[in-house]
Amino acid sequence: MQRRNFAFVSFAFALLLAFVATVAPAPAVQTHLTHIYYIMMENQSFDEVIGRHKASEYAPYTKDIFDTPFITSLLLKYGINTLNFGTTHPSLPNYLSTIAGDYYGIQDDNPSCYSLPKPAAGTCDKATGMNIADQLEAKGMTWATLQQSMPSVGYLGVQFPVNPKGPTHYAQKHNPFLYFSQIATNPARLKNVIPLKNMGDLTANLNRNFLFIVPDECHDMHGTSDCSNYDALLKEGDDYVKALVLTIQHSAYWKTGSAIILTWDEDDYSSNLGCCGSIFNNGGGHTAMIVMTPGYKSALYVATPSNHYDELSSMEQEFGLTKLGKAAMEPPTLLPLFL
C-alpha cells in the first residue's frame, strides 16, 4: 500500500484552520462528563481523513467526492484540534499512552506477556502501574473496551483469525488493557474486554462511564490482506465511524454529560512529528482529533499542540481522577472542546 508524504500539506491545512479558529475560553476546573466514548482509528495522517478527495498515486482526481464524507462533515459541526499528534510509532505505544500516560519505552507491536498461548521469552511486552480502568473502578465507575472481530470475551490470543500467515482482523496490539497483569490475569476484569460484533453490542454497553472502542483492521483504516484497497479502505472506515457515532448519538446516554472522542493512533509513517512529552523527531505524526458533545451549535477549531498524554489528562480531569504518568505533566487540552 503506497502512501504519500503529506506532512507539509497537513500542517498548512491545520495552520489555516488555526488562523480562522474561534478558541473557546478554558472552562472552570470541574467535572461534568459522565460518559466518554473513545474511538481509536489507525495509521492515517490529518490530511488523509479530513477533506481528502478520491484519488490515487497514478490517476488524476476523477470525482468531486470525499473519501471520508462523514468524518469530514464532523469538521463543520463539532470541535477539532488541528495540532494533534501521535505519541510515537508504532501502534502499541500509542494505545498504552492513551490509557496509562506512558509507553514504557516500547517501540514495537509485540504481544502481551499475558497472552495465551504464552509467548516465548523476550518476544512480548507488558506494562506496569495503573491505567484509567484501575482509576475508574477505584472511584466506583465503569469501563469496557469493545474490540471488533475479537472472538470471545476476555480473549487472550494475539490475533484473530489465528493463522499468523493469514489476514489479521482483531489485533491484540490494539487492546492495551491486556498488557497490564491486573486486568489480563483477573477473570472478573477480563469480562470488560468485549467483542464488538454489531451495533447491538455497542448499544448494550453505552451505560459504561468510559468505553474504548476499537474497529478491526478492515474498518479502522489500517488494512490487511483481505481488505479493500486504499481509497475504499478509507471509505470503509468512514462508514464504520458513521455507524458508531450515530448509534451513540441516537441513544438516551447522548443527551447529557457525554462526549465522543474520535482520533487516530499515529499517522502512516509519513512523518515523525510530535509534541508534548515526545521527542520531537520520534513523534507519531500529525493526526486528526475530533470531539463531539450534545452542546455544539456550531463548529469550534482550536490549535493547541496535543497528543495522547493530553487526551488522557483531559479525560481524567473530566472524571475527577488523578493524572497518570506523563498526563500529569500535560495540560488538559481537550477541555475547551467538551462543550
C-alpha atoms as a PDB file:
ATOM      1  CA  MET A   1       0.000   0.000   0.000  1.00  0.00           C
ATOM      2  CA  GLN A   2       1.675   3.149  -1.195  1.00  0.00           C
ATOM      3  CA  ARG A   3       1.423   6.314   0.859  1.00  0.00           C
ATOM      4  CA  ARG A   4       2.348   9.885   0.074  1.00  0.00           C
ATOM      5  CA  ASN A   5       4.175  12.204   2.406  1.00  0.00           C
ATOM      6  CA  PHE A   6       1.582  14.816   3.289  1.00  0.00           C
ATOM      7  CA  ALA A   7       3.428  16.408   6.213  1.00  0.00           C
ATOM      8  CA  PHE A   8       3.677  19.865   4.614  1.00  0.00           C
ATOM      9  CA  VAL A   9       0.081  19.885   3.318  1.00  0.00           C
ATOM     10  CA  SER A  10      -1.101  18.557   6.655  1.00  0.00           C
ATOM     11  CA  PHE A  11       0.483  21.406   8.589  1.00  0.00           C
ATOM     12  CA  ALA A  12      -0.615  24.006   6.050  1.00  0.00           C
ATOM     13  CA  PHE A  13      -4.250  22.966   6.385  1.00  0.00           C
ATOM     14  CA  ALA A  14      -4.003  22.750  10.152  1.00  0.00           C
ATOM     15  CA  LEU A  15      -2.492  26.211  10.409  1.00  0.00           C
ATOM     16  CA  LEU A  16      -5.160  27.598   8.084  1.00  0.00           C
ATOM     17  CA  LEU A  17      -7.850  26.221  10.360  1.00  0.00           C
ATOM     18  CA  ALA A  18      -5.991  27.615  13.339  1.00  0.00           C
ATOM     19  CA  PHE A  19      -5.967  31.068  11.727  1.00  0.00           C
ATOM     20  CA  VAL A  20      -9.763  31.106  11.365  1.00  0.00           C
ATOM     21  CA  ALA A  21     -10.409  29.267  14.621  1.00  0.00           C
ATOM     22  CA  THR A  22     -12.565  30.556  17.407  1.00  0.00           C
ATOM     23  CA  VAL A  23     -10.888  29.413  20.589  1.00  0.00           C
ATOM     24  CA  ALA A  24     -13.283  28.955  23.491  1.00  0.00           C
ATOM     25  CA  PRO A  25     -12.167  30.105  26.928  1.00  0.00           C
ATOM     26  CA  ALA A  26     -10.995  27.291  29.166  1.00  0.00           C
ATOM     27  CA  PRO A  27     -13.838  26.181  31.437  1.00  0.00           C
ATOM     28  CA  ALA A  28     -13.549  26.246  35.185  1.00  0.00           C
ATOM     29  CA  VAL A  29     -11.921  23.174  36.670  1.00  0.00           C
ATOM     30  CA  GLN A  30     -14.904  20.937  37.324  1.00  0.00           C
ATOM     31  CA  THR A  31     -16.218  17.600  36.164  1.00  0.00           C
ATOM     32  CA  HIS A  32     -19.349  17.368  34.097  1.00  0.00           C
ATOM     33  CA  LEU A  33     -18.970  14.413  31.737  1.00  0.00           C
ATOM     34  CA  THR A  34     -20.420  11.123  32.897  1.00  0.00           C
ATOM     35  CA  HIS A  35     -19.725   9.161  29.701  1.00  0.00           C
ATOM     36  CA  ILE A  36     -16.780   9.282  27.318  1.00  0.00           C
ATOM     37  CA  TYR A  37     -16.823   7.138  24.194  1.00  0.00           C
ATOM     38  CA  TYR A  38     -13.324   6.977  22.745  1.00  0.00           C
ATOM     39  CA  ILE A  39     -12.929   5.659  19.158  1.00  0.00           C
ATOM     40  CA  MET A  40      -9.379   4.793  18.107  1.00  0.00           C
ATOM     41  CA  MET A  41      -8.656   4.561  14.388  1.00  0.00           C
ATOM     42  CA  GLU A  42      -5.388   3.611  12.714  1.00  0.00           C
ATOM     43  CA  ASN A  43      -2.426   4.859  10.732  1.00  0.00           C
ATOM     44  CA  GLN A  44      -3.704   7.884   8.828  1.00  0.00           C
ATOM     45  CA  SER A  45      -2.463  11.445   8.868  1.00  0.00           C
ATOM     46  CA  PHE A  46      -4.658  14.517   9.305  1.00  0.00           C
ATOM     47  CA  ASP A  47      -4.954  15.290   5.611  1.00  0.00           C
ATOM     48  CA  GLU A  48      -5.797  11.693   4.696  1.00  0.00           C
ATOM     49  CA  VAL A  49      -9.033  11.785   6.693  1.00  0.00           C
ATOM     50  CA  ILE A  50     -10.068  15.454   6.575  1.00  0.00           C
ATOM     51  CA  GLY A  51     -11.254  16.658   3.176  1.00  0.00           C
ATOM     52  CA  ARG A  52      -9.288  14.236   1.017  1.00  0.00           C
ATOM     53  CA  HIS A  53     -10.791  13.769  -2.447  1.00  0.00           C
ATOM     54  CA  LYS A  54     -10.862  10.425  -4.169  1.00  0.00           C
ATOM     55  CA  ALA A  55      -7.551   9.962  -5.945  1.00  0.00           C
ATOM     56  CA  SER A  56      -4.722   7.501  -6.403  1.00  0.00           C
ATOM     57  CA  GLU A  57      -0.989   7.681  -6.896  1.00  0.00           C
ATOM     58  CA  TYR A  58      -1.387   7.179 -10.634  1.00  0.00           C
ATOM     59  CA  ALA A  59      -4.601   8.898 -11.669  1.00  0.00           C
ATOM     60  CA  PRO A  60      -5.921  12.462 -11.541  1.00  0.00           C
ATOM     61  CA  TYR A  61      -8.888  13.359  -9.386  1.00  0.00           C
ATOM     62  CA  THR A  62     -11.931  11.902 -11.095  1.00  0.00           C
ATOM     63  CA  LYS A  63     -14.866  12.795  -8.831  1.00  0.00           C
ATOM     64  CA  ASP A  64     -15.546  15.694  -6.531  1.00  0.00           C
ATOM     65  CA  ILE A  65     -16.305  13.465  -3.565  1.00  0.00           C
ATOM     66  CA  PHE A  66     -14.557  12.889  -0.282  1.00  0.00           C
ATOM     67  CA  ASP A  67     -13.000   9.591   0.679  1.00  0.00           C
ATOM     68  CA  THR A  68     -14.299  10.296   4.194  1.00  0.00           C
ATOM     69  CA  PRO A  69     -17.549  12.232   3.731  1.00  0.00           C
ATOM     70  CA  PHE A  70     -18.913  11.568   7.223  1.00  0.00           C
ATOM     71  CA  ILE A  71     -15.697  12.310   9.099  1.00  0.00           C
ATOM     72  CA  THR A  72     -15.138  15.435   7.012  1.00  0.00           C
ATOM     73  CA  SER A  73     -18.703  16.555   7.784  1.00  0.00           C
ATOM     74  CA  LEU A  74     -17.924  16.394  11.503  1.00  0.00           C
ATOM     75  CA  LEU A  75     -15.466  19.246  10.934  1.00  0.00           C
ATOM     76  CA  LEU A  76     -18.427  21.507  10.206  1.00  0.00           C
ATOM     77  CA  LYS A  77     -20.408  20.563  13.311  1.00  0.00           C
ATOM     78  CA  TYR A  78     -18.126  19.805  16.255  1.00  0.00           C
ATOM     79  CA  GLY A  79     -14.746  20.506  17.791  1.00  0.00           C
ATOM     80  CA  ILE A  80     -11.365  19.685  16.304  1.00  0.00           C
ATOM     81  CA  ASN A  81      -7.838  20.261  17.482  1.00  0.00           C
ATOM     82  CA  THR A  82      -5.834  20.981  14.356  1.00  0.00           C
ATOM     83  CA  LEU A  83      -2.473  20.304  16.020  1.00  0.00           C
ATOM     84  CA  ASN A  84      -2.867  16.797  17.408  1.00  0.00           C
ATOM     85  CA  PHE A  85      -0.083  14.202  17.165  1.00  0.00           C
ATOM     86  CA  GLY A  86       0.559  10.558  17.820  1.00  0.00           C
ATOM     87  CA  THR A  87       2.852   9.970  20.767  1.00  0.00           C
ATOM     88  CA  THR A  88       5.323   7.838  18.802  1.00  0.00           C
ATOM     89  CA  HIS A  89       5.457   4.855  16.415  1.00  0.00           C
ATOM     90  CA  PRO A  90       4.204   2.110  16.042  1.00  0.00           C
ATOM     91  CA  SER A  91       0.675   1.311  17.243  1.00  0.00           C
ATOM     92  CA  LEU A  92       1.041  -0.327  20.667  1.00  0.00           C
ATOM     93  CA  PRO A  93       2.891   2.507  22.460  1.00  0.00           C
ATOM     94  CA  ASN A  94       0.219   4.968  21.338  1.00  0.00           C
ATOM     95  CA  TYR A  95      -2.537   2.817  22.811  1.00  0.00           C
ATOM     96  CA  LEU A  96      -0.638   2.461  26.076  1.00  0.00           C
ATOM     97  CA  SER A  97      -0.053   6.223  26.191  1.00  0.00           C
ATOM     98  CA  THR A  98      -3.769   6.827  25.869  1.00  0.00           C
ATOM     99  CA  ILE A  99      -4.847   4.745  28.848  1.00  0.00           C
ATOM    100  CA  ALA A 100      -1.790   4.973  31.133  1.00  0.00           C
ATOM    101  CA  GLY A 101       0.182   8.130  30.291  1.00  0.00           C
ATOM    102  CA  ASP A 102       3.297   6.142  29.393  1.00  0.00           C
ATOM    103  CA  TYR A 103       4.506   3.811  26.678  1.00  0.00           C
ATOM    104  CA  TYR A 104       7.183   2.290  28.894  1.00  0.00           C
ATOM    105  CA  GLY A 105       9.910   2.621  26.256  1.00  0.00           C
ATOM    106  CA  ILE A 106       8.085   0.149  23.995  1.00  0.00           C
ATOM    107  CA  GLN A 107       8.717   0.792  20.298  1.00  0.00           C
ATOM    108  CA  ASP A 108       7.213  -2.371  18.817  1.00  0.00           C
ATOM    109  CA  ASP A 109       3.924  -4.247  18.462  1.00  0.00           C
ATOM    110  CA  ASN A 110       4.896  -7.376  20.387  1.00  0.00           C
ATOM    111  CA  PRO A 111       2.140  -9.440  22.007  1.00  0.00           C
ATOM    112  CA  SER A 112       1.282  -9.158  25.673  1.00  0.00           C
ATOM    113  CA  CYS A 113       3.336 -11.305  28.041  1.00  0.00           C
ATOM    114  CA  TYR A 114      -0.031 -12.483  29.409  1.00  0.00           C
ATOM    115  CA  SER A 115      -1.164 -13.894  26.058  1.00  0.00           C
ATOM    116  CA  LEU A 116      -2.383 -17.445  25.653  1.00  0.00           C
ATOM    117  CA  PRO A 117      -0.566 -19.416  24.417  1.00  0.00           C
ATOM    118  CA  LYS A 118       2.300 -17.839  26.332  1.00  0.00           C
ATOM    119  CA  PRO A 119       4.841 -16.064  24.069  1.00  0.00           C
ATOM    120  CA  ALA A 120       8.479 -17.096  24.042  1.00  0.00           C
ATOM    121  CA  ALA A 121      10.728 -15.244  26.471  1.00  0.00           C
ATOM    122  CA  GLY A 122      11.912 -11.901  25.140  1.00  0.00           C
ATOM    123  CA  THR A 123       9.213 -11.663  22.485  1.00  0.00           C
ATOM    124  CA  CYS A 124       6.469  -9.985  24.499  1.00  0.00           C
ATOM    125  CA  ASP A 125       5.665  -6.681  26.227  1.00  0.00           C
ATOM    126  CA  LYS A 126       3.999  -5.747  29.494  1.00  0.00           C
ATOM    127  CA  ALA A 127       3.060  -2.523  31.236  1.00  0.00           C
ATOM    128  CA  THR A 128       3.268  -1.683  34.906  1.00  0.00           C
ATOM    129  CA  GLY A 129       1.393   0.615  37.257  1.00  0.00           C
ATOM    130  CA  MET A 130      -2.141   1.934  36.943  1.00  0.00           C
ATOM    131  CA  ASN A 131      -4.267   2.741  33.929  1.00  0.00           C
ATOM    132  CA  ILE A 132      -7.547   4.604  33.564  1.00  0.00           C
ATOM    133  CA  ALA A 133      -9.569   1.413  34.073  1.00  0.00           C
ATOM    134  CA  ASP A 134      -7.993   0.958  37.509  1.00  0.00           C
ATOM    135  CA  GLN A 135      -8.772   4.558  38.387  1.00  0.00           C
ATOM    136  CA  LEU A 136     -12.390   4.324  37.284  1.00  0.00           C
ATOM    137  CA  GLU A 137     -13.035   1.144  39.235  1.00  0.00           C
ATOM    138  CA  ALA A 138     -11.445   2.654  42.355  1.00  0.00           C
ATOM    139  CA  LYS A 139     -13.943   5.506  42.088  1.00  0.00           C
ATOM    140  CA  GLY A 140     -16.907   3.164  41.587  1.00  0.00           C
ATOM    141  CA  MET A 141     -17.181   3.976  37.874  1.00  0.00           C
ATOM    142  CA  THR A 142     -17.415   1.551  34.952  1.00  0.00           C
ATOM    143  CA  TRP A 143     -15.422   0.869  31.797  1.00  0.00           C
ATOM    144  CA  ALA A 144     -15.102  -1.558  28.925  1.00  0.00           C
ATOM    145  CA  THR A 145     -13.220  -1.945  25.689  1.00  0.00           C
ATOM    146  CA  LEU A 146     -15.146  -3.069  22.617  1.00  0.00           C
ATOM    147  CA  GLN A 147     -12.899  -4.844  20.111  1.00  0.00           C
ATOM    148  CA  GLN A 148     -14.312  -5.627  16.687  1.00  0.00           C
ATOM    149  CA  SER A 149     -13.612  -9.187  15.408  1.00  0.00           C
ATOM    150  CA  MET A 150     -12.313 -10.376  18.771  1.00  0.00           C
ATOM    151  CA  PRO A 151     -13.859 -13.853  19.042  1.00  0.00           C
ATOM    152  CA  SER A 152     -14.827 -14.020  22.728  1.00  0.00           C
ATOM    153  CA  VAL A 153     -14.980 -12.062  25.972  1.00  0.00           C
ATOM    154  CA  GLY A 154     -11.556 -11.694  27.576  1.00  0.00           C
ATOM    155  CA  TYR A 155      -9.792 -13.291  24.611  1.00  0.00           C
ATOM    156  CA  LEU A 156      -6.040 -13.523  25.259  1.00  0.00           C
ATOM    157  CA  GLY A 157      -4.955 -14.608  21.797  1.00  0.00           C
ATOM    158  CA  VAL A 158      -2.555 -12.409  19.842  1.00  0.00           C
ATOM    159  CA  GLN A 159      -4.789 -12.105  16.794  1.00  0.00           C
ATOM    160  CA  PHE A 160      -7.916 -13.391  15.119  1.00  0.00           C
ATOM    161  CA  PRO A 161      -8.141 -15.211  12.770  1.00  0.00           C
ATOM    162  CA  VAL A 162      -5.422 -17.235  14.474  1.00  0.00           C
ATOM    163  CA  ASN A 163      -3.333 -18.154  11.406  1.00  0.00           C
ATOM    164  CA  PRO A 164      -0.221 -15.912  11.683  1.00  0.00           C
ATOM    165  CA  LYS A 165       0.320 -16.137   7.919  1.00  0.00           C
ATOM    166  CA  GLY A 166      -3.214 -15.072   7.115  1.00  0.00           C
ATOM    167  CA  PRO A 167      -5.093 -11.773   7.434  1.00  0.00           C
ATOM    168  CA  THR A 168      -5.412 -10.186  10.874  1.00  0.00           C
ATOM    169  CA  HIS A 169      -8.730  -8.618  11.752  1.00  0.00           C
ATOM    170  CA  TYR A 170      -8.525  -8.387  15.545  1.00  0.00           C
ATOM    171  CA  ALA A 171      -5.020  -7.448  16.727  1.00  0.00           C
ATOM    172  CA  GLN A 172      -4.010  -7.618  20.390  1.00  0.00           C
ATOM    173  CA  LYS A 173      -1.602  -4.708  19.874  1.00  0.00           C
ATOM    174  CA  HIS A 174      -4.750  -2.538  19.654  1.00  0.00           C
ATOM    175  CA  ASN A 175      -6.026  -3.800  23.017  1.00  0.00           C
ATOM    176  CA  PRO A 176      -3.764  -2.100  25.576  1.00  0.00           C
ATOM    177  CA  PHE A 177      -5.623  -3.274  28.687  1.00  0.00           C
ATOM    178  CA  LEU A 178      -4.290  -6.796  28.113  1.00  0.00           C
ATOM    179  CA  TYR A 179      -0.712  -5.634  28.707  1.00  0.00           C
ATOM    180  CA  PHE A 180      -1.474  -4.998  32.395  1.00  0.00           C
ATOM    181  CA  SER A 181      -1.302  -8.031  34.681  1.00  0.00           C
ATOM    182  CA  GLN A 182      -4.035  -6.715  36.988  1.00  0.00           C
ATOM    183  CA  ILE A 183      -6.505  -6.995  34.098  1.00  0.00           C
ATOM    184  CA  ALA A 184      -5.116  -9.788  31.917  1.00  0.00           C
ATOM    185  CA  THR A 185      -4.818 -12.258  34.800  1.00  0.00           C
ATOM    186  CA  ASN A 186      -8.101 -11.353  36.503  1.00  0.00           C
ATOM    187  CA  PRO A 187     -11.119 -13.264  35.087  1.00  0.00           C
ATOM    188  CA  ALA A 188     -13.598 -10.807  36.595  1.00  0.00           C
ATOM    189  CA  ARG A 189     -11.931  -7.812  34.977  1.00  0.00           C
ATOM    190  CA  LEU A 190     -11.489  -9.611  31.657  1.00  0.00           C
ATOM    191  CA  LYS A 191     -15.279  -9.510  31.381  1.00  0.00           C
ATOM    192  CA  ASN A 192     -14.817  -5.835  30.448  1.00  0.00           C
ATOM    193  CA  VAL A 193     -12.887  -6.864  27.316  1.00  0.00           C
ATOM    194  CA  ILE A 194     -15.802  -7.429  24.972  1.00  0.00           C
ATOM    195  CA  PRO A 195     -16.206  -8.393  21.291  1.00  0.00           C
ATOM    196  CA  LEU A 196     -17.874  -5.805  19.062  1.00  0.00           C
ATOM    197  CA  LYS A 197     -19.896  -7.973  16.699  1.00  0.00           C
ATOM    198  CA  ASN A 198     -22.519  -5.397  15.753  1.00  0.00           C
ATOM    199  CA  MET A 199     -24.031  -2.114  16.862  1.00  0.00           C
ATOM    200  CA  GLY A 200     -26.167  -4.015  19.372  1.00  0.00           C
ATOM    201  CA  ASP A 201     -23.002  -4.738  21.349  1.00  0.00           C
ATOM    202  CA  LEU A 202     -22.248  -1.028  21.366  1.00  0.00           C
ATOM    203  CA  THR A 203     -25.763  -0.109  22.493  1.00  0.00           C
ATOM    204  CA  ALA A 204     -25.624  -2.675  25.302  1.00  0.00           C
ATOM    205  CA  ASN A 205     -22.500  -1.051  26.754  1.00  0.00           C
ATOM    206  CA  LEU A 206     -23.290   2.646  26.434  1.00  0.00           C
ATOM    207  CA  ASN A 207     -24.081   2.751  30.154  1.00  0.00           C
ATOM    208  CA  ARG A 208     -20.337   2.458  30.902  1.00  0.00           C
ATOM    209  CA  ASN A 209     -18.642   5.654  32.033  1.00  0.00           C
ATOM    210  CA  PHE A 210     -15.691   5.001  29.726  1.00  0.00           C
ATOM    211  CA  LEU A 211     -15.890   2.968  26.543  1.00  0.00           C
ATOM    212  CA  PHE A 212     -12.728   2.371  24.495  1.00  0.00           C
ATOM    213  CA  ILE A 213     -13.903   1.364  21.010  1.00  0.00           C
ATOM    214  CA  VAL A 214     -11.528  -0.268  18.509  1.00  0.00           C
ATOM    215  CA  PRO A 215     -12.656  -1.241  14.991  1.00  0.00           C
ATOM    216  CA  ASP A 216     -10.891  -4.161  13.335  1.00  0.00           C
ATOM    217  CA  GLU A 217      -8.185  -3.758  10.708  1.00  0.00           C
ATOM    218  CA  CYS A 218     -10.668  -3.695   7.830  1.00  0.00           C
ATOM    219  CA  HIS A 219     -12.642  -0.861   9.445  1.00  0.00           C
ATOM    220  CA  ASP A 220     -10.015   1.205  11.302  1.00  0.00           C
ATOM    221  CA  MET A 221      -8.215   2.349   8.099  1.00  0.00           C
ATOM    222  CA  HIS A 222      -5.215   0.134   8.864  1.00  0.00           C
ATOM    223  CA  GLY A 223      -5.917  -2.601   6.325  1.00  0.00           C
ATOM    224  CA  THR A 224      -4.915  -6.227   5.990  1.00  0.00           C
ATOM    225  CA  SER A 225      -4.569  -8.650   3.094  1.00  0.00           C
ATOM    226  CA  ASP A 226      -8.280  -9.309   2.569  1.00  0.00           C
ATOM    227  CA  CYS A 227      -9.496  -5.708   2.997  1.00  0.00           C
ATOM    228  CA  SER A 228     -10.412  -3.164   0.360  1.00  0.00           C
ATOM    229  CA  ASN A 229      -7.742  -1.151  -1.455  1.00  0.00           C
ATOM    230  CA  TYR A 230      -6.547   2.194  -0.159  1.00  0.00           C
ATOM    231  CA  ASP A 231      -9.274   4.625  -1.245  1.00  0.00           C
ATOM    232  CA  ALA A 232     -12.001   2.091  -0.486  1.00  0.00           C
ATOM    233  CA  LEU A 233     -10.356   1.328   2.858  1.00  0.00           C
ATOM    234  CA  LEU A 234     -10.778   4.972   3.880  1.00  0.00           C
ATOM    235  CA  LYS A 235     -14.435   4.846   2.858  1.00  0.00           C
ATOM    236  CA  GLU A 236     -14.977   1.590   4.786  1.00  0.00           C
ATOM    237  CA  GLY A 237     -13.528   3.242   7.868  1.00  0.00           C
ATOM    238  CA  ASP A 238     -15.659   6.328   7.341  1.00  0.00           C
ATOM    239  CA  ASP A 239     -18.814   4.226   7.057  1.00  0.00           C
ATOM    240  CA  TYR A 240     -17.970   2.344  10.244  1.00  0.00           C
ATOM    241  CA  VAL A 241     -17.267   5.545  12.167  1.00  0.00           C
ATOM    242  CA  LYS A 242     -20.626   6.828  10.972  1.00  0.00           C
ATOM    243  CA  ALA A 243     -22.376   3.718  12.315  1.00  0.00           C
ATOM    244  CA  LEU A 244     -20.616   4.021  15.677  1.00  0.00           C
ATOM    245  CA  VAL A 245     -21.237   7.748  16.086  1.00  0.00           C
ATOM    246  CA  LEU A 246     -24.895   7.641  15.056  1.00  0.00           C
ATOM    247  CA  THR A 247     -25.582   4.658  17.314  1.00  0.00           C
ATOM    248  CA  ILE A 248     -24.206   6.622  20.262  1.00  0.00           C
ATOM    249  CA  GLN A 249     -25.988   9.826  19.312  1.00  0.00           C
ATOM    250  CA  HIS A 250     -29.348   8.093  18.907  1.00  0.00           C
ATOM    251  CA  SER A 251     -29.177   6.691  22.428  1.00  0.00           C
ATOM    252  CA  ALA A 252     -30.542   8.174  25.646  1.00  0.00           C
ATOM    253  CA  TYR A 253     -26.991   8.375  27.017  1.00  0.00           C
ATOM    254  CA  TRP A 254     -26.065  11.000  24.442  1.00  0.00           C
ATOM    255  CA  LYS A 255     -28.441  13.675  25.667  1.00  0.00           C
ATOM    256  CA  THR A 256     -26.419  14.963  28.610  1.00  0.00           C
ATOM    257  CA  GLY A 257     -22.961  14.508  30.022  1.00  0.00           C
ATOM    258  CA  SER A 258     -21.491  12.556  27.106  1.00  0.00           C
ATOM    259  CA  ALA A 259     -18.648  13.058  24.669  1.00  0.00           C
ATOM    260  CA  ILE A 260     -17.285  11.127  21.713  1.00  0.00           C
ATOM    261  CA  ILE A 261     -13.574  11.394  21.005  1.00  0.00           C
ATOM    262  CA  LEU A 262     -12.522  10.259  17.531  1.00  0.00           C
ATOM    263  CA  THR A 263      -8.815  10.048  16.815  1.00  0.00           C
ATOM    264  CA  TRP A 264      -6.039   8.064  15.165  1.00  0.00           C
ATOM    265  CA  ASP A 265      -3.187   6.327  16.963  1.00  0.00           C
ATOM    266  CA  GLU A 266      -0.475   7.639  14.615  1.00  0.00           C
ATOM    267  CA  ASP A 267      -0.028   8.659  11.003  1.00  0.00           C
ATOM    268  CA  ASP A 268       1.109   6.373   8.188  1.00  0.00           C
ATOM    269  CA  TYR A 269       4.810   6.954   8.951  1.00  0.00           C
ATOM    270  CA  SER A 270       4.780   9.923   6.582  1.00  0.00           C
ATOM    271  CA  SER A 271       6.401  11.902   9.409  1.00  0.00           C
ATOM    272  CA  ASN A 272       7.813  11.630  12.929  1.00  0.00           C
ATOM    273  CA  LEU A 273       6.367  14.946  14.062  1.00  0.00           C
ATOM    274  CA  GLY A 274       5.344  15.137  17.684  1.00  0.00           C
ATOM    275  CA  CYS A 275       4.877  17.328  20.725  1.00  0.00           C
ATOM    276  CA  CYS A 276       4.077  17.351  24.402  1.00  0.00           C
ATOM    277  CA  GLY A 277       6.396  14.957  26.138  1.00  0.00           C
ATOM    278  CA  SER A 278       7.503  13.187  22.951  1.00  0.00           C
ATOM    279  CA  ILE A 279      10.921  13.680  21.464  1.00  0.00           C
ATOM    280  CA  PHE A 280      10.141  15.893  18.501  1.00  0.00           C
ATOM    281  CA  ASN A 281      11.728  13.628  15.896  1.00  0.00           C
ATOM    282  CA  ASN A 282      10.230  10.499  17.428  1.00  0.00           C
ATOM    283  CA  GLY A 283       6.585  11.519  17.489  1.00  0.00           C
ATOM    284  CA  GLY A 284       3.728   9.679  15.842  1.00  0.00           C
ATOM    285  CA  GLY A 285       2.905  12.250  13.176  1.00  0.00           C
ATOM    286  CA  HIS A 286       0.112  14.770  12.651  1.00  0.00           C
ATOM    287  CA  THR A 287      -3.314  13.198  13.223  1.00  0.00           C
ATOM    288  CA  ALA A 288      -6.930  14.305  13.390  1.00  0.00           C
ATOM    289  CA  MET A 289      -8.730  14.529  16.713  1.00  0.00           C
ATOM    290  CA  ILE A 290     -12.444  15.378  16.818  1.00  0.00           C
ATOM    291  CA  VAL A 291     -14.603  15.880  19.917  1.00  0.00           C
ATOM    292  CA  MET A 292     -18.394  15.621  19.779  1.00  0.00           C
ATOM    293  CA  THR A 293     -20.824  16.568  22.545  1.00  0.00           C
ATOM    294  CA  PRO A 294     -24.553  17.446  22.516  1.00  0.00           C
ATOM    295  CA  GLY A 295     -23.656  21.044  23.392  1.00  0.00           C
ATOM    296  CA  TYR A 296     -22.370  22.044  19.950  1.00  0.00           C
ATOM    297  CA  LYS A 297     -24.332  24.623  17.972  1.00  0.00           C
ATOM    298  CA  SER A 298     -21.509  25.351  15.523  1.00  0.00           C
ATOM    299  CA  ALA A 299     -18.016  24.114  14.796  1.00  0.00           C
ATOM    300  CA  LEU A 300     -15.083  25.011  17.023  1.00  0.00           C
ATOM    301  CA  TYR A 301     -11.435  24.782  15.954  1.00  0.00           C
ATOM    302  CA  VAL A 302      -8.531  25.045  18.343  1.00  0.00           C
ATOM    303  CA  ALA A 303      -4.822  24.841  17.638  1.00  0.00           C
ATOM    304  CA  THR A 304      -3.173  23.628  20.831  1.00  0.00           C
ATOM    305  CA  PRO A 305      -0.362  21.078  20.416  1.00  0.00           C
ATOM    306  CA  SER A 306      -1.567  17.821  21.950  1.00  0.00           C
ATOM    307  CA  ASN A 307      -1.083  14.077  21.859  1.00  0.00           C
ATOM    308  CA  HIS A 308      -2.422  11.008  23.674  1.00  0.00           C
ATOM    309  CA  TYR A 309      -0.990  12.206  27.000  1.00  0.00           C
ATOM    310  CA  ASP A 310      -3.053  15.370  26.742  1.00  0.00           C
ATOM    311  CA  GLU A 311      -6.150  13.365  25.827  1.00  0.00           C
ATOM    312  CA  LEU A 312      -5.703  11.216  28.932  1.00  0.00           C
ATOM    313  CA  SER A 313      -5.130  14.327  31.051  1.00  0.00           C
ATOM    314  CA  SER A 314      -8.402  15.786  29.785  1.00  0.00           C
ATOM    315  CA  MET A 315     -10.413  12.613  30.352  1.00  0.00           C
ATOM    316  CA  GLU A 316      -9.016  12.151  33.838  1.00  0.00           C
ATOM    317  CA  GLN A 317      -9.863  15.744  34.732  1.00  0.00           C
ATOM    318  CA  GLU A 318     -13.423  15.327  33.482  1.00  0.00           C
ATOM    319  CA  PHE A 319     -13.831  12.175  35.576  1.00  0.00           C
ATOM    320  CA  GLY A 320     -12.163  13.724  38.610  1.00  0.00           C
ATOM    321  CA  LEU A 321      -9.212  11.318  38.536  1.00  0.00           C
ATOM    322  CA  THR A 322      -5.547  11.779  39.421  1.00  0.00           C
ATOM    323  CA  LYS A 323      -3.291  12.304  36.395  1.00  0.00           C
ATOM    324  CA  LEU A 324      -1.239   9.245  35.465  1.00  0.00           C
ATOM    325  CA  GLY A 325       2.321   9.231  34.148  1.00  0.00           C
ATOM    326  CA  LYS A 326       3.124  11.911  31.605  1.00  0.00           C
ATOM    327  CA  ALA A 327      -0.511  13.032  31.601  1.00  0.00           C
ATOM    328  CA  ALA A 328       0.354  14.766  34.881  1.00  0.00           C
ATOM    329  CA  MET A 329       2.816  16.977  33.004  1.00  0.00           C
ATOM    330  CA  GLU A 330       0.459  17.853  30.155  1.00  0.00           C
ATOM    331  CA  PRO A 331      -2.450  20.309  30.203  1.00  0.00           C
ATOM    332  CA  PRO A 332      -5.981  19.005  29.653  1.00  0.00           C
ATOM    333  CA  THR A 333      -6.112  20.448  26.145  1.00  0.00           C
ATOM    334  CA  LEU A 334      -9.463  18.921  25.214  1.00  0.00           C
ATOM    335  CA  LEU A 335     -11.389  20.790  27.914  1.00  0.00           C
ATOM    336  CA  PRO A 336     -12.299  23.731  25.641  1.00  0.00           C
ATOM    337  CA  LEU A 337     -13.840  21.183  23.238  1.00  0.00           C
ATOM    338  CA  PHE A 338     -16.016  19.463  25.862  1.00  0.00           C
ATOM    339  CA  LEU A 339     -18.969  21.823  25.382  1.00  0.00           C
END
